[in-house]
Amino acid sequence: MPRALLLVFALLFVVYVCRAQDSKSQENQPPDAKAAPKSATPAYFPVPVSASRQPNPVKASPESIASGKKVYTYDCALCHGVTGDGKGDAPKEIKVPDLTDPATLKDRTDGDLFYIIKTGHGDMPPEGDRVKTDQIWDIVNYVRALAKKGAGGEKAPAEKPADKPAPDEKPSN
């Protein structure tokens, strides 16, 4: 009996020493080597077909876009950037897409965007039940407007300042 007990303690000691050596060797590695390698492109997260096919019931009106911008500013701009260019305050190892680039959204349906916003995506937290369904559709409309702006399309109707002339207009005196 004492021999078996001694053997168990010896075995536990060996396991402890091996683990200590393993963690010590990881501490000596540069910080980048410790982290799992991140790919340049975000991981693929599938959207259910039924969600992808869901039509947007909210018309992309100036009011909807303004409402979407308001919620976006509170909940999304921190990581996605105020202009949607993906240059917000998210940690550098998190790949945040440029929502002003039409190529980012070209293969995504409004249903895809709704699902991603509602349930989250990778490191992006979900809106869940924090906002109403129509408000999520407003965010979808606003994100689509960002992509149109990035493509050189027209600005969203409520966003052009009335007191400043457009770059190709001459100020009236």
C-alpha atoms as a PDB file:
ATOM      1  CA  MET A   1       0.000   0.000   0.000  1.00  0.00           C
ATOM      2  CA  PRO A   2       2.711   2.581   0.889  1.00  0.00           C
ATOM      3  CA  ARG A   3       4.507   1.679  -2.343  1.00  0.00           C
ATOM      4  CA  ALA A   4       1.378   2.366  -4.427  1.00  0.00           C
ATOM      5  CA  LEU A   5       0.860   5.676  -2.662  1.00  0.00           C
ATOM      6  CA  LEU A   6       4.472   6.663  -3.322  1.00  0.00           C
ATOM      7  CA  LEU A   7       4.053   5.727  -6.989  1.00  0.00           C
ATOM      8  CA  VAL A   8       0.913   7.908  -7.318  1.00  0.00           C
ATOM      9  CA  PHE A   9       2.687  10.911  -5.770  1.00  0.00           C
ATOM     10  CA  ALA A  10       5.698  10.391  -8.035  1.00  0.00           C
ATOM     11  CA  LEU A  11       3.434  10.259 -11.071  1.00  0.00           C
ATOM     12  CA  LEU A  12       1.610  13.444 -10.027  1.00  0.00           C
ATOM     13  CA  PHE A  13       4.947  15.176  -9.470  1.00  0.00           C
ATOM     14  CA  VAL A  14       6.113  14.257 -12.992  1.00  0.00           C
ATOM     15  CA  VAL A  15       2.882  15.583 -14.521  1.00  0.00           C
ATOM     16  CA  TYR A  16       3.244  18.822 -12.535  1.00  0.00           C
ATOM     17  CA  VAL A  17       6.856  19.313 -13.673  1.00  0.00           C
ATOM     18  CA  CYS A  18       5.950  18.638 -17.315  1.00  0.00           C
ATOM     19  CA  ARG A  19       3.135  21.185 -17.229  1.00  0.00           C
ATOM     20  CA  ALA A  20       5.362  23.759 -15.561  1.00  0.00           C
ATOM     21  CA  GLN A  21       8.005  23.278 -18.266  1.00  0.00           C
ATOM     22  CA  ASP A  22       5.416  23.598 -21.025  1.00  0.00           C
ATOM     23  CA  SER A  23       4.001  26.851 -19.662  1.00  0.00           C
ATOM     24  CA  LYS A  24       7.527  28.194 -19.092  1.00  0.00           C
ATOM     25  CA  SER A  25       8.475  27.514 -22.715  1.00  0.00           C
ATOM     26  CA  GLN A  26       5.349  29.382 -23.891  1.00  0.00           C
ATOM     27  CA  GLU A  27       6.287  32.387 -21.748  1.00  0.00           C
ATOM     28  CA  ASN A  28       9.650  32.630 -23.516  1.00  0.00           C
ATOM     29  CA  GLN A  29       8.044  32.877 -26.951  1.00  0.00           C
ATOM     30  CA  PRO A  30       7.309  36.295 -28.487  1.00  0.00           C
ATOM     31  CA  PRO A  31       3.701  37.460 -27.945  1.00  0.00           C
ATOM     32  CA  ASP A  32       2.754  36.868 -31.588  1.00  0.00           C
ATOM     33  CA  ALA A  33       3.880  33.231 -31.416  1.00  0.00           C
ATOM     34  CA  LYS A  34       1.610  32.507 -28.426  1.00  0.00           C
ATOM     35  CA  ALA A  35      -1.565  33.595 -30.143  1.00  0.00           C
ATOM     36  CA  ALA A  36      -3.212  31.370 -32.663  1.00  0.00           C
ATOM     37  CA  PRO A  37      -2.462  32.631 -36.163  1.00  0.00           C
ATOM     38  CA  LYS A  38      -5.234  34.783 -37.559  1.00  0.00           C
ATOM     39  CA  SER A  39      -5.994  34.635 -41.232  1.00  0.00           C
ATOM     40  CA  ALA A  40      -6.174  37.810 -43.298  1.00  0.00           C
ATOM     41  CA  THR A  41      -9.777  37.041 -44.136  1.00  0.00           C
ATOM     42  CA  PRO A  42     -12.429  36.577 -41.503  1.00  0.00           C
ATOM     43  CA  ALA A  43     -13.629  33.080 -40.777  1.00  0.00           C
ATOM     44  CA  TYR A  44     -16.703  31.926 -42.644  1.00  0.00           C
ATOM     45  CA  PHE A  45     -19.842  31.874 -40.559  1.00  0.00           C
ATOM     46  CA  PRO A  46     -22.787  30.474 -42.480  1.00  0.00           C
ATOM     47  CA  VAL A  47     -26.195  32.113 -42.384  1.00  0.00           C
ATOM     48  CA  PRO A  48     -29.191  29.759 -42.426  1.00  0.00           C
ATOM     49  CA  VAL A  49     -30.917  29.676 -45.818  1.00  0.00           C
ATOM     50  CA  SER A  50     -34.247  30.744 -44.324  1.00  0.00           C
ATOM     51  CA  ALA A  51     -32.609  33.818 -42.753  1.00  0.00           C
ATOM     52  CA  SER A  52     -30.716  34.622 -45.937  1.00  0.00           C
ATOM     53  CA  ARG A  53     -33.934  34.588 -47.973  1.00  0.00           C
ATOM     54  CA  GLN A  54     -35.804  36.842 -45.552  1.00  0.00           C
ATOM     55  CA  PRO A  55     -36.862  40.007 -47.404  1.00  0.00           C
ATOM     56  CA  ASN A  56     -36.306  43.440 -45.877  1.00  0.00           C
ATOM     57  CA  PRO A  57     -39.767  44.698 -44.838  1.00  0.00           C
ATOM     58  CA  VAL A  58     -38.486  48.229 -44.125  1.00  0.00           C
ATOM     59  CA  LYS A  59     -38.137  50.552 -47.105  1.00  0.00           C
ATOM     60  CA  ALA A  60     -34.761  52.306 -47.314  1.00  0.00           C
ATOM     61  CA  SER A  61     -36.263  55.752 -46.761  1.00  0.00           C
ATOM     62  CA  PRO A  62     -34.357  58.751 -45.399  1.00  0.00           C
ATOM     63  CA  GLU A  63     -36.096  58.153 -42.059  1.00  0.00           C
ATOM     64  CA  SER A  64     -35.056  54.495 -41.940  1.00  0.00           C
ATOM     65  CA  ILE A  65     -31.465  55.343 -42.861  1.00  0.00           C
ATOM     66  CA  ALA A  66     -31.343  58.091 -40.203  1.00  0.00           C
ATOM     67  CA  SER A  67     -32.727  55.675 -37.592  1.00  0.00           C
ATOM     68  CA  GLY A  68     -30.193  53.032 -38.637  1.00  0.00           C
ATOM     69  CA  LYS A  69     -27.378  55.579 -38.418  1.00  0.00           C
ATOM     70  CA  LYS A  70     -28.430  56.480 -34.871  1.00  0.00           C
ATOM     71  CA  VAL A  71     -28.322  52.872 -33.660  1.00  0.00           C
ATOM     72  CA  TYR A  72     -25.129  52.210 -35.670  1.00  0.00           C
ATOM     73  CA  THR A  73     -23.444  55.183 -33.991  1.00  0.00           C
ATOM     74  CA  TYR A  74     -24.217  53.792 -30.524  1.00  0.00           C
ATOM     75  CA  ASP A  75     -23.608  50.104 -31.119  1.00  0.00           C
ATOM     76  CA  CYS A  76     -21.424  49.613 -34.199  1.00  0.00           C
ATOM     77  CA  ALA A  77     -19.182  52.637 -34.808  1.00  0.00           C
ATOM     78  CA  LEU A  78     -16.761  51.768 -32.013  1.00  0.00           C
ATOM     79  CA  CYS A  79     -15.411  48.832 -34.031  1.00  0.00           C
ATOM     80  CA  HIS A  80     -16.629  49.513 -37.574  1.00  0.00           C
ATOM     81  CA  GLY A  81     -15.644  53.199 -37.497  1.00  0.00           C
ATOM     82  CA  VAL A  82     -17.870  56.265 -37.633  1.00  0.00           C
ATOM     83  CA  THR A  83     -17.832  56.207 -41.434  1.00  0.00           C
ATOM     84  CA  GLY A  84     -18.050  52.398 -41.656  1.00  0.00           C
ATOM     85  CA  ASP A  85     -14.525  52.059 -43.051  1.00  0.00           C
ATOM     86  CA  GLY A  86     -13.557  49.397 -40.481  1.00  0.00           C
ATOM     87  CA  LYS A  87     -11.046  51.707 -38.785  1.00  0.00           C
ATOM     88  CA  GLY A  88     -12.667  51.912 -35.381  1.00  0.00           C
ATOM     89  CA  ASP A  89     -11.143  51.099 -32.016  1.00  0.00           C
ATOM     90  CA  ALA A  90     -11.322  47.317 -32.362  1.00  0.00           C
ATOM     91  CA  PRO A  91      -8.094  45.486 -31.482  1.00  0.00           C
ATOM     92  CA  LYS A  92      -5.796  45.166 -34.492  1.00  0.00           C
ATOM     93  CA  GLU A  93      -5.994  41.352 -34.506  1.00  0.00           C
ATOM     94  CA  ILE A  94      -9.733  41.529 -35.157  1.00  0.00           C
ATOM     95  CA  LYS A  95     -10.468  41.935 -38.854  1.00  0.00           C
ATOM     96  CA  VAL A  96     -13.313  44.434 -39.175  1.00  0.00           C
ATOM     97  CA  PRO A  97     -14.768  44.731 -42.687  1.00  0.00           C
ATOM     98  CA  ASP A  98     -14.909  48.020 -44.587  1.00  0.00           C
ATOM     99  CA  LEU A  99     -18.646  48.577 -44.962  1.00  0.00           C
ATOM    100  CA  THR A 100     -18.061  51.422 -47.428  1.00  0.00           C
ATOM    101  CA  ASP A 101     -16.562  48.970 -49.915  1.00  0.00           C
ATOM    102  CA  PRO A 102     -19.371  47.593 -52.100  1.00  0.00           C
ATOM    103  CA  ALA A 103     -17.404  44.345 -52.569  1.00  0.00           C
ATOM    104  CA  THR A 104     -17.791  43.640 -48.841  1.00  0.00           C
ATOM    105  CA  LEU A 105     -21.573  43.357 -49.151  1.00  0.00           C
ATOM    106  CA  LYS A 106     -22.030  42.302 -52.774  1.00  0.00           C
ATOM    107  CA  ASP A 107     -22.650  38.632 -51.937  1.00  0.00           C
ATOM    108  CA  ARG A 108     -24.742  39.333 -48.832  1.00  0.00           C
ATOM    109  CA  THR A 109     -28.526  39.598 -48.871  1.00  0.00           C
ATOM    110  CA  ASP A 110     -30.407  41.931 -46.542  1.00  0.00           C
ATOM    111  CA  GLY A 111     -31.488  38.775 -44.716  1.00  0.00           C
ATOM    112  CA  ASP A 112     -27.813  37.826 -44.233  1.00  0.00           C
ATOM    113  CA  LEU A 113     -27.040  41.245 -42.767  1.00  0.00           C
ATOM    114  CA  PHE A 114     -30.086  41.120 -40.494  1.00  0.00           C
ATOM    115  CA  TYR A 115     -29.090  37.675 -39.197  1.00  0.00           C
ATOM    116  CA  ILE A 116     -25.469  38.718 -38.604  1.00  0.00           C
ATOM    117  CA  ILE A 117     -26.487  41.886 -36.757  1.00  0.00           C
ATOM    118  CA  LYS A 118     -29.115  40.073 -34.692  1.00  0.00           C
ATOM    119  CA  THR A 119     -27.038  37.003 -33.733  1.00  0.00           C
ATOM    120  CA  GLY A 120     -23.461  38.272 -33.949  1.00  0.00           C
ATOM    121  CA  HIS A 121     -20.612  37.169 -36.175  1.00  0.00           C
ATOM    122  CA  GLY A 122     -17.232  35.902 -34.994  1.00  0.00           C
ATOM    123  CA  ASP A 123     -15.960  38.507 -32.524  1.00  0.00           C
ATOM    124  CA  MET A 124     -18.928  40.803 -33.190  1.00  0.00           C
ATOM    125  CA  PRO A 125     -21.478  40.691 -30.363  1.00  0.00           C
ATOM    126  CA  PRO A 126     -25.162  40.230 -31.195  1.00  0.00           C
ATOM    127  CA  GLU A 127     -27.769  42.964 -31.015  1.00  0.00           C
ATOM    128  CA  GLY A 128     -30.185  40.269 -29.911  1.00  0.00           C
ATOM    129  CA  ASP A 129     -33.207  41.749 -28.183  1.00  0.00           C
ATOM    130  CA  ARG A 130     -31.543  45.070 -27.292  1.00  0.00           C
ATOM    131  CA  VAL A 131     -33.171  46.747 -30.270  1.00  0.00           C
ATOM    132  CA  LYS A 132     -36.455  46.217 -32.065  1.00  0.00           C
ATOM    133  CA  THR A 133     -36.660  44.192 -35.254  1.00  0.00           C
ATOM    134  CA  ASP A 134     -37.440  47.284 -37.362  1.00  0.00           C
ATOM    135  CA  GLN A 135     -34.367  49.010 -35.948  1.00  0.00           C
ATOM    136  CA  ILE A 136     -32.167  46.131 -37.097  1.00  0.00           C
ATOM    137  CA  TRP A 137     -33.666  46.502 -40.576  1.00  0.00           C
ATOM    138  CA  ASP A 138     -32.883  50.238 -40.321  1.00  0.00           C
ATOM    139  CA  ILE A 139     -29.243  49.333 -39.573  1.00  0.00           C
ATOM    140  CA  VAL A 140     -29.263  47.070 -42.639  1.00  0.00           C
ATOM    141  CA  ASN A 141     -30.552  49.994 -44.738  1.00  0.00           C
ATOM    142  CA  TYR A 142     -27.900  52.312 -43.273  1.00  0.00           C
ATOM    143  CA  VAL A 143     -25.093  49.806 -43.946  1.00  0.00           C
ATOM    144  CA  ARG A 144     -26.314  49.484 -47.548  1.00  0.00           C
ATOM    145  CA  ALA A 145     -26.257  53.294 -47.807  1.00  0.00           C
ATOM    146  CA  LEU A 146     -22.644  53.300 -46.558  1.00  0.00           C
ATOM    147  CA  ALA A 147     -21.662  50.881 -49.328  1.00  0.00           C
ATOM    148  CA  LYS A 148     -23.407  53.042 -51.938  1.00  0.00           C
ATOM    149  CA  LYS A 149     -21.560  56.104 -50.663  1.00  0.00           C
ATOM    150  CA  GLY A 150     -18.276  54.206 -50.850  1.00  0.00           C
ATOM    151  CA  ALA A 151     -19.029  53.340 -54.458  1.00  0.00           C
ATOM    152  CA  GLY A 152     -19.414  57.008 -55.312  1.00  0.00           C
ATOM    153  CA  GLY A 153     -23.184  56.851 -55.081  1.00  0.00           C
ATOM    154  CA  GLU A 154     -25.328  59.607 -53.688  1.00  0.00           C
ATOM    155  CA  LYS A 155     -25.193  60.551 -50.060  1.00  0.00           C
ATOM    156  CA  ALA A 156     -28.054  59.506 -47.871  1.00  0.00           C
ATOM    157  CA  PRO A 157     -30.666  62.280 -48.165  1.00  0.00           C
ATOM    158  CA  ALA A 158     -30.439  63.614 -44.590  1.00  0.00           C
ATOM    159  CA  GLU A 159     -26.624  63.689 -44.496  1.00  0.00           C
ATOM    160  CA  LYS A 160     -25.739  66.599 -46.826  1.00  0.00           C
ATOM    161  CA  PRO A 161     -25.153  69.752 -44.757  1.00  0.00           C
ATOM    162  CA  ALA A 162     -27.397  72.565 -45.936  1.00  0.00           C
ATOM    163  CA  ASP A 163     -25.048  75.416 -45.001  1.00  0.00           C
ATOM    164  CA  LYS A 164     -22.012  74.186 -46.965  1.00  0.00           C
ATOM    165  CA  PRO A 165     -21.879  74.173 -50.764  1.00  0.00           C
ATOM    166  CA  ALA A 166     -21.016  70.964 -52.562  1.00  0.00           C
ATOM    167  CA  PRO A 167     -17.363  70.796 -53.758  1.00  0.00           C
ATOM    168  CA  ASP A 168     -18.343  71.597 -57.354  1.00  0.00           C
ATOM    169  CA  GLU A 169     -20.673  74.471 -56.379  1.00  0.00           C
ATOM    170  CA  LYS A 170     -19.567  78.041 -55.820  1.00  0.00           C
ATOM    171  CA  PRO A 171     -20.627  79.691 -52.578  1.00  0.00           C
ATOM    172  CA  SER A 172     -23.364  82.265 -53.023  1.00  0.00           C
ATOM    173  CA  ASN A 173     -22.651  85.720 -51.598  1.00  0.00           C
END
